[in-house]
N, C-alpha and C. Protein backbone atom coordinates (compact mmCIF):
# COMPACT_ATOMS: atom_id res chain seq x y z
N MET A 1 27.74 -0.80 15.68
CA MET A 1 26.56 -0.12 16.13
C MET A 1 26.13 -0.54 17.54
N SER A 2 26.06 0.41 18.44
CA SER A 2 25.69 0.00 19.83
C SER A 2 24.07 -0.30 20.01
N GLU A 3 23.85 -1.08 20.97
CA GLU A 3 22.55 -1.47 21.13
C GLU A 3 21.50 -0.35 21.31
N THR A 4 22.04 0.73 21.91
CA THR A 4 21.14 1.97 22.04
C THR A 4 20.89 2.55 20.67
N ASP A 5 22.00 2.67 19.87
CA ASP A 5 21.76 3.23 18.43
C ASP A 5 20.70 2.26 17.64
N GLN A 6 20.92 0.89 17.82
CA GLN A 6 20.01 0.04 16.98
C GLN A 6 18.55 0.39 17.54
N HIS A 7 18.34 0.41 18.98
CA HIS A 7 17.13 0.54 19.42
C HIS A 7 16.54 1.91 18.82
N ARG A 8 17.23 2.94 18.86
CA ARG A 8 16.86 4.26 18.40
C ARG A 8 16.41 4.20 16.84
N PHE A 9 17.16 3.33 16.19
CA PHE A 9 16.99 3.33 14.70
C PHE A 9 15.78 2.60 14.52
N ALA A 10 15.37 1.52 15.17
CA ALA A 10 14.17 0.72 15.09
C ALA A 10 13.03 1.71 15.44
N MET A 11 13.07 2.53 16.62
CA MET A 11 11.99 3.33 17.09
C MET A 11 11.69 4.37 15.94
N GLN A 12 12.86 4.99 15.32
CA GLN A 12 12.59 6.02 14.30
C GLN A 12 11.91 5.48 13.07
N VAL A 13 12.29 4.19 12.67
CA VAL A 13 11.59 3.51 11.61
C VAL A 13 10.13 3.45 11.88
N ALA A 14 9.79 2.63 13.04
CA ALA A 14 8.44 2.54 13.52
C ALA A 14 7.67 3.76 13.42
N GLN A 15 8.34 4.85 14.04
CA GLN A 15 7.47 6.21 14.16
C GLN A 15 7.52 6.84 12.63
N LEU A 16 8.53 6.64 11.78
CA LEU A 16 8.46 7.26 10.52
C LEU A 16 7.13 6.59 9.80
N SER A 17 7.10 5.27 9.75
CA SER A 17 6.11 4.52 9.05
C SER A 17 4.69 5.03 9.61
N ARG A 18 4.47 5.13 10.98
CA ARG A 18 3.18 5.63 11.55
C ARG A 18 2.87 7.04 11.04
N SER A 19 3.79 7.82 11.16
CA SER A 19 3.60 9.34 10.98
C SER A 19 3.39 9.37 9.43
N TRP A 20 3.92 8.82 8.55
CA TRP A 20 3.99 8.87 7.11
C TRP A 20 2.31 8.43 6.75
N ARG A 21 1.93 7.23 7.37
CA ARG A 21 0.55 6.85 6.97
C ARG A 21 -0.49 7.70 7.61
N ALA A 22 -0.20 8.22 8.74
CA ALA A 22 -1.28 8.98 9.20
C ALA A 22 -1.44 10.34 8.62
N GLU A 23 -0.21 11.01 7.86
CA GLU A 23 -0.46 12.25 7.20
C GLU A 23 -1.09 11.88 5.87
N LEU A 24 -0.77 10.75 5.46
CA LEU A 24 -1.38 10.19 4.20
C LEU A 24 -2.76 10.11 4.44
N ASP A 25 -3.28 9.42 5.23
CA ASP A 25 -4.57 9.19 5.82
C ASP A 25 -5.26 10.59 5.87
N ARG A 26 -4.73 11.62 6.59
CA ARG A 26 -5.43 12.86 6.88
C ARG A 26 -5.67 13.57 5.42
N ARG A 27 -4.62 13.39 4.53
CA ARG A 27 -4.78 14.06 3.32
C ARG A 27 -5.86 13.41 2.21
N LEU A 28 -6.01 12.06 2.61
CA LEU A 28 -6.97 11.35 1.75
C LEU A 28 -8.38 11.06 2.35
N VAL A 29 -8.56 11.71 3.59
CA VAL A 29 -9.96 11.57 4.26
C VAL A 29 -11.07 12.04 3.41
N GLY A 30 -10.87 13.05 2.53
CA GLY A 30 -11.81 13.56 1.53
C GLY A 30 -12.29 12.70 0.61
N LEU A 31 -11.48 11.61 0.18
CA LEU A 31 -11.99 10.67 -0.66
C LEU A 31 -12.95 9.65 0.01
N GLY A 32 -13.09 9.58 1.24
CA GLY A 32 -13.95 8.60 1.89
C GLY A 32 -13.32 7.29 1.79
N LEU A 33 -12.16 6.98 1.80
CA LEU A 33 -11.49 5.70 1.96
C LEU A 33 -10.65 5.49 3.05
N SER A 34 -10.66 4.41 3.70
CA SER A 34 -9.84 4.12 4.82
C SER A 34 -8.52 3.63 4.31
N GLN A 35 -7.63 3.54 5.16
CA GLN A 35 -6.17 3.28 4.57
C GLN A 35 -6.09 1.95 3.89
N ALA A 36 -6.76 0.96 4.63
CA ALA A 36 -6.82 -0.36 3.88
C ALA A 36 -7.53 -0.22 2.59
N ARG A 37 -8.56 0.48 2.27
CA ARG A 37 -9.25 0.56 1.12
C ARG A 37 -8.38 1.28 0.02
N TRP A 38 -7.84 2.36 0.41
CA TRP A 38 -7.02 2.97 -0.68
C TRP A 38 -5.79 2.27 -1.04
N LEU A 39 -5.19 1.45 0.08
CA LEU A 39 -3.95 0.72 -0.30
C LEU A 39 -4.49 -0.31 -1.28
N VAL A 40 -5.63 -1.03 -1.13
CA VAL A 40 -6.09 -2.09 -2.10
C VAL A 40 -6.15 -1.50 -3.50
N LEU A 41 -6.81 -0.22 -3.76
CA LEU A 41 -7.01 0.52 -4.97
C LEU A 41 -5.55 0.55 -5.62
N LEU A 42 -4.65 1.27 -4.81
CA LEU A 42 -3.32 1.34 -5.30
C LEU A 42 -2.72 0.20 -5.90
N HIS A 43 -2.78 -0.95 -5.20
CA HIS A 43 -2.28 -2.22 -5.55
C HIS A 43 -2.89 -2.63 -6.81
N LEU A 44 -4.23 -2.69 -6.85
CA LEU A 44 -5.02 -3.02 -8.02
C LEU A 44 -4.49 -2.17 -9.42
N GLY A 45 -4.51 -0.84 -9.03
CA GLY A 45 -3.81 0.03 -10.09
C GLY A 45 -2.60 -0.17 -10.58
N ARG A 46 -1.82 -0.76 -9.86
CA ARG A 46 -0.26 -1.05 -10.26
C ARG A 46 -0.13 -2.63 -10.80
N ILE A 47 -1.17 -3.45 -10.44
CA ILE A 47 -0.88 -4.62 -11.01
C ILE A 47 -1.16 -4.86 -12.42
N ASN A 48 -0.44 -5.60 -13.28
CA ASN A 48 -0.66 -5.85 -14.62
C ASN A 48 -1.69 -6.99 -14.58
N GLY A 49 -2.79 -6.84 -15.39
CA GLY A 49 -3.73 -7.95 -15.55
C GLY A 49 -4.76 -7.91 -14.35
N LEU A 50 -5.56 -9.05 -14.29
CA LEU A 50 -6.57 -9.05 -13.40
C LEU A 50 -6.14 -10.03 -12.34
N PRO A 51 -5.88 -9.62 -10.96
CA PRO A 51 -5.45 -10.53 -10.09
C PRO A 51 -6.68 -11.30 -9.44
N THR A 52 -6.45 -12.49 -8.83
CA THR A 52 -7.37 -13.17 -8.20
C THR A 52 -7.27 -12.52 -6.90
N GLN A 53 -8.28 -12.79 -6.06
CA GLN A 53 -8.48 -12.37 -4.53
C GLN A 53 -7.20 -12.93 -3.83
N ARG A 54 -6.80 -14.01 -4.08
CA ARG A 54 -5.66 -14.45 -3.31
C ARG A 54 -4.54 -13.77 -3.63
N GLU A 55 -4.23 -13.66 -5.17
CA GLU A 55 -3.03 -12.77 -5.37
C GLU A 55 -2.88 -11.35 -4.86
N LEU A 56 -4.24 -10.79 -4.95
CA LEU A 56 -4.39 -9.58 -4.43
C LEU A 56 -4.04 -9.44 -2.88
N ALA A 57 -4.52 -10.36 -2.10
CA ALA A 57 -4.24 -10.48 -0.67
C ALA A 57 -2.77 -10.58 -0.46
N GLN A 58 -1.98 -11.45 -1.22
CA GLN A 58 -0.63 -11.67 -1.07
C GLN A 58 0.01 -10.26 -1.34
N SER A 59 -0.34 -9.61 -2.38
CA SER A 59 0.28 -8.30 -2.81
C SER A 59 0.27 -7.16 -1.68
N VAL A 60 -1.07 -7.15 -1.26
CA VAL A 60 -1.36 -6.10 -0.20
C VAL A 60 -0.82 -6.42 1.19
N GLY A 61 -0.67 -7.82 1.57
CA GLY A 61 0.01 -8.29 2.84
C GLY A 61 -1.22 -8.52 3.67
N VAL A 62 -2.39 -8.95 3.31
CA VAL A 62 -3.57 -9.21 4.23
C VAL A 62 -4.06 -10.60 4.08
N GLU A 63 -4.84 -11.11 5.15
CA GLU A 63 -5.27 -12.42 4.91
C GLU A 63 -6.56 -12.27 3.96
N GLY A 64 -7.03 -13.45 3.52
CA GLY A 64 -8.14 -13.56 2.51
C GLY A 64 -9.36 -12.98 3.03
N PRO A 65 -9.83 -13.39 4.29
CA PRO A 65 -11.10 -12.84 4.79
C PRO A 65 -11.24 -11.27 4.93
N THR A 66 -9.91 -10.75 5.41
CA THR A 66 -9.72 -9.37 5.54
C THR A 66 -9.99 -8.72 4.19
N LEU A 67 -9.34 -9.27 3.12
CA LEU A 67 -9.49 -8.63 1.80
C LEU A 67 -10.94 -8.80 1.36
N ALA A 68 -11.60 -9.98 1.61
CA ALA A 68 -12.96 -10.00 1.29
C ALA A 68 -13.84 -8.77 1.55
N ARG A 69 -13.76 -8.56 2.94
CA ARG A 69 -14.32 -7.49 3.68
C ARG A 69 -14.06 -6.15 2.93
N LEU A 70 -12.61 -5.97 2.67
CA LEU A 70 -12.37 -4.66 2.05
C LEU A 70 -12.94 -4.54 0.61
N LEU A 71 -13.06 -5.74 -0.13
CA LEU A 71 -13.52 -5.81 -1.48
C LEU A 71 -15.12 -5.45 -1.48
N ASP A 72 -15.75 -6.10 -0.40
CA ASP A 72 -17.06 -5.96 -0.22
C ASP A 72 -17.56 -4.43 -0.15
N SER A 73 -16.79 -3.63 0.76
CA SER A 73 -16.78 -2.30 0.73
C SER A 73 -16.57 -1.42 -0.51
N LEU A 74 -15.38 -1.82 -1.11
CA LEU A 74 -15.19 -1.15 -2.37
C LEU A 74 -16.22 -1.61 -3.61
N GLU A 75 -16.71 -2.57 -3.53
CA GLU A 75 -17.84 -3.18 -4.54
C GLU A 75 -19.03 -2.09 -4.05
N ALA A 76 -19.33 -1.88 -2.92
CA ALA A 76 -20.54 -1.20 -2.45
C ALA A 76 -20.31 0.36 -2.99
N GLN A 77 -19.13 0.75 -3.02
CA GLN A 77 -18.88 2.13 -3.67
C GLN A 77 -18.91 2.18 -5.05
N GLY A 78 -18.83 1.07 -5.69
CA GLY A 78 -18.79 0.97 -7.04
C GLY A 78 -17.42 1.10 -7.70
N LEU A 79 -16.35 0.69 -6.87
CA LEU A 79 -14.97 0.80 -7.35
C LEU A 79 -14.36 -0.27 -7.92
N VAL A 80 -14.95 -1.52 -7.50
CA VAL A 80 -14.41 -2.76 -8.03
C VAL A 80 -15.55 -3.62 -8.11
N SER A 81 -15.26 -4.82 -8.90
CA SER A 81 -16.18 -5.95 -9.06
C SER A 81 -15.40 -7.28 -9.18
N ARG A 82 -15.99 -8.24 -8.79
CA ARG A 82 -15.60 -9.63 -8.87
C ARG A 82 -16.02 -10.44 -9.89
N GLN A 83 -15.07 -11.10 -10.62
CA GLN A 83 -15.59 -12.00 -11.80
C GLN A 83 -15.30 -13.35 -11.53
N ALA A 84 -15.91 -14.30 -11.72
CA ALA A 84 -15.78 -15.75 -11.56
C ALA A 84 -14.64 -16.13 -12.72
N VAL A 85 -13.72 -17.09 -12.14
CA VAL A 85 -12.67 -17.70 -13.01
C VAL A 85 -13.26 -19.05 -13.58
N PRO A 86 -13.38 -19.06 -14.78
CA PRO A 86 -14.25 -20.19 -15.50
C PRO A 86 -13.47 -21.51 -15.00
N GLU A 87 -11.97 -21.67 -14.98
CA GLU A 87 -11.45 -22.92 -14.74
C GLU A 87 -11.16 -23.19 -13.32
N ASP A 88 -11.78 -22.19 -12.47
CA ASP A 88 -11.64 -22.46 -11.02
C ASP A 88 -12.78 -21.81 -10.39
N ARG A 89 -13.95 -22.59 -9.89
CA ARG A 89 -15.15 -22.18 -9.36
C ARG A 89 -14.85 -21.44 -8.16
N ARG A 90 -13.95 -21.56 -7.29
CA ARG A 90 -13.65 -20.91 -6.05
C ARG A 90 -13.03 -19.53 -6.15
N ALA A 91 -12.29 -19.44 -7.36
CA ALA A 91 -11.40 -18.09 -7.41
C ALA A 91 -12.43 -17.18 -8.03
N LYS A 92 -12.06 -15.82 -7.77
CA LYS A 92 -12.49 -14.64 -8.20
C LYS A 92 -11.41 -13.71 -8.69
N LYS A 93 -11.63 -13.05 -9.79
CA LYS A 93 -10.72 -12.05 -10.25
C LYS A 93 -11.26 -10.79 -9.80
N VAL A 94 -10.44 -9.87 -9.32
CA VAL A 94 -10.69 -8.49 -9.00
C VAL A 94 -10.77 -7.42 -10.11
N VAL A 95 -11.69 -6.65 -10.37
CA VAL A 95 -11.61 -5.65 -11.61
C VAL A 95 -11.91 -4.30 -11.18
N LEU A 96 -11.16 -3.45 -11.49
CA LEU A 96 -11.33 -2.09 -11.21
C LEU A 96 -12.52 -1.49 -12.03
N SER A 97 -13.47 -0.56 -11.62
CA SER A 97 -14.37 -0.19 -12.40
C SER A 97 -13.85 1.14 -13.18
N PRO A 98 -14.53 1.73 -14.10
CA PRO A 98 -14.00 2.84 -14.69
C PRO A 98 -14.00 4.20 -13.58
N GLU A 99 -15.01 3.93 -12.68
CA GLU A 99 -15.11 5.09 -11.70
C GLU A 99 -13.79 5.15 -10.63
N ALA A 100 -13.23 3.82 -10.49
CA ALA A 100 -11.90 3.75 -9.67
C ALA A 100 -10.73 4.55 -10.23
N TRP A 101 -10.59 4.61 -11.50
CA TRP A 101 -9.45 5.22 -12.11
C TRP A 101 -9.24 6.71 -11.58
N PRO A 102 -10.20 7.52 -11.59
CA PRO A 102 -10.06 8.94 -11.18
C PRO A 102 -9.76 9.10 -9.75
N VAL A 103 -10.15 7.96 -8.93
CA VAL A 103 -9.93 8.05 -7.51
C VAL A 103 -8.45 7.62 -7.26
N ILE A 104 -7.98 6.57 -8.00
CA ILE A 104 -6.63 6.17 -7.94
C ILE A 104 -5.66 7.43 -8.47
N GLU A 105 -6.14 8.02 -9.36
CA GLU A 105 -5.18 9.20 -9.79
C GLU A 105 -5.06 10.36 -8.76
N LYS A 106 -6.15 10.49 -8.06
CA LYS A 106 -6.08 11.42 -6.91
C LYS A 106 -5.29 11.03 -5.71
N ILE A 107 -5.38 9.69 -5.54
CA ILE A 107 -4.51 9.14 -4.46
C ILE A 107 -3.17 9.22 -4.91
N GLU A 108 -2.63 8.84 -6.15
CA GLU A 108 -1.33 8.94 -6.59
C GLU A 108 -0.86 10.36 -6.49
N ALA A 109 -1.69 11.37 -6.86
CA ALA A 109 -1.16 12.91 -6.86
C ALA A 109 -1.00 13.21 -5.36
N ILE A 110 -1.90 12.91 -4.51
CA ILE A 110 -1.70 13.28 -3.11
C ILE A 110 -0.59 12.55 -2.55
N SER A 111 -0.29 11.29 -2.88
CA SER A 111 0.79 10.61 -2.32
C SER A 111 2.16 11.03 -2.88
N SER A 112 2.24 11.54 -4.05
CA SER A 112 3.37 12.34 -4.90
C SER A 112 3.74 13.51 -4.22
N GLN A 113 2.75 14.29 -3.96
CA GLN A 113 2.97 15.57 -3.16
C GLN A 113 3.52 15.40 -1.89
N LEU A 114 2.97 14.52 -1.12
CA LEU A 114 3.53 14.17 0.31
C LEU A 114 4.95 13.72 0.11
N ARG A 115 5.32 12.81 -0.72
CA ARG A 115 6.75 12.37 -1.05
C ARG A 115 7.61 13.61 -1.23
N LYS A 116 7.28 14.56 -2.11
CA LYS A 116 8.13 15.72 -2.26
C LYS A 116 8.31 16.40 -1.02
N GLU A 117 7.32 16.66 -0.19
CA GLU A 117 7.37 17.51 1.04
C GLU A 117 8.26 16.61 1.81
N VAL A 118 8.09 15.33 2.20
CA VAL A 118 8.81 14.65 3.03
C VAL A 118 10.41 14.59 2.68
N PHE A 119 10.67 14.33 1.46
CA PHE A 119 11.98 14.26 1.04
C PHE A 119 12.68 15.50 0.71
N ALA A 120 12.10 16.72 1.02
CA ALA A 120 12.56 18.14 0.83
C ALA A 120 13.74 18.17 1.92
N GLY A 121 14.85 18.84 1.07
CA GLY A 121 16.11 18.94 1.67
C GLY A 121 16.85 17.72 2.03
N ILE A 122 16.57 16.69 1.55
CA ILE A 122 17.39 15.33 1.61
C ILE A 122 18.13 15.29 0.21
N ASP A 123 19.45 15.16 0.29
CA ASP A 123 20.49 14.82 -0.73
C ASP A 123 20.15 13.39 -1.41
N GLU A 124 20.18 13.30 -2.70
CA GLU A 124 19.93 11.87 -3.33
C GLU A 124 20.69 11.04 -3.01
N GLU A 125 22.05 11.36 -2.65
CA GLU A 125 22.92 10.25 -2.18
C GLU A 125 22.79 9.87 -0.79
N GLU A 126 22.21 10.90 0.01
CA GLU A 126 21.77 10.34 1.50
C GLU A 126 20.70 9.25 1.28
N LEU A 127 19.68 9.54 0.42
CA LEU A 127 18.71 8.87 0.17
C LEU A 127 19.12 7.47 -0.20
N ARG A 128 19.89 7.32 -1.24
CA ARG A 128 20.44 6.14 -1.69
C ARG A 128 21.01 5.19 -0.40
N ARG A 129 21.72 5.91 0.12
CA ARG A 129 22.45 5.25 1.27
C ARG A 129 21.49 4.85 2.42
N CYS A 130 20.48 5.63 2.62
CA CYS A 130 19.44 5.12 3.64
C CYS A 130 18.68 3.81 2.84
N GLN A 131 18.30 4.04 1.77
CA GLN A 131 17.62 2.85 0.99
C GLN A 131 18.47 1.48 1.18
N LYS A 132 19.76 1.58 0.92
CA LYS A 132 20.59 0.41 1.07
C LYS A 132 20.73 -0.04 2.41
N VAL A 133 20.61 0.73 3.40
CA VAL A 133 20.45 0.42 4.80
C VAL A 133 19.25 -0.47 4.95
N HIS A 134 18.09 0.38 4.61
CA HIS A 134 16.76 -0.27 4.73
C HIS A 134 16.66 -1.62 4.12
N ALA A 135 17.14 -1.77 2.93
CA ALA A 135 17.17 -3.08 2.12
C ALA A 135 17.95 -4.07 2.82
N GLN A 136 18.91 -3.75 3.39
CA GLN A 136 19.73 -4.74 4.33
C GLN A 136 18.90 -5.30 5.44
N VAL A 137 18.27 -4.28 6.08
CA VAL A 137 17.43 -4.77 7.38
C VAL A 137 16.29 -5.61 7.00
N LEU A 138 15.58 -5.12 5.83
CA LEU A 138 14.58 -6.12 5.33
C LEU A 138 15.10 -7.43 5.02
N SER A 139 16.17 -7.55 4.22
CA SER A 139 16.79 -8.85 3.81
C SER A 139 17.03 -9.75 5.15
N ASN A 140 17.64 -8.91 6.11
CA ASN A 140 17.91 -9.58 7.60
C ASN A 140 16.61 -10.25 8.17
N LEU A 141 15.47 -9.40 7.92
CA LEU A 141 14.24 -9.64 8.67
C LEU A 141 13.51 -10.88 7.92
N GLU A 142 13.82 -11.02 6.47
CA GLU A 142 13.22 -12.02 5.69
C GLU A 142 13.91 -13.26 5.85
N LYS A 143 15.11 -13.46 6.43
CA LYS A 143 15.87 -14.56 6.90
C LYS A 143 15.59 -15.01 8.10
N LEU A 144 14.80 -14.20 8.88
CA LEU A 144 14.47 -14.91 10.26
C LEU A 144 13.40 -15.94 10.33
């Protein structure tokens, strides 16, 4: 692959990521959640058990103080709470409130519809090949 093709691929991947998130944000604006907050809710909804703030920060890919601010706002909205961990006074478990589940279901439904639209006209084999290439690029990045 030429350097020009590599550059073009890298630019397309970056643009794809930005455009996808921007469209999802546009569709989720009615829920009153920023991208960072809905991402935290999705991770909480998909994690088995009750993660600590540290585990959740790692899962989401943010620093602890950033997650703490996000959780403060989600707590203020009544969507999460934090519970002390008896064996570690410094740790807090993050718990979804019952009110969070309908919000998560809406996020999932909107996300699913967007995926259907984004992948329209793309053959399954083409998508698998693309996933394989992206997996190799990610693997190479992890080795750096």
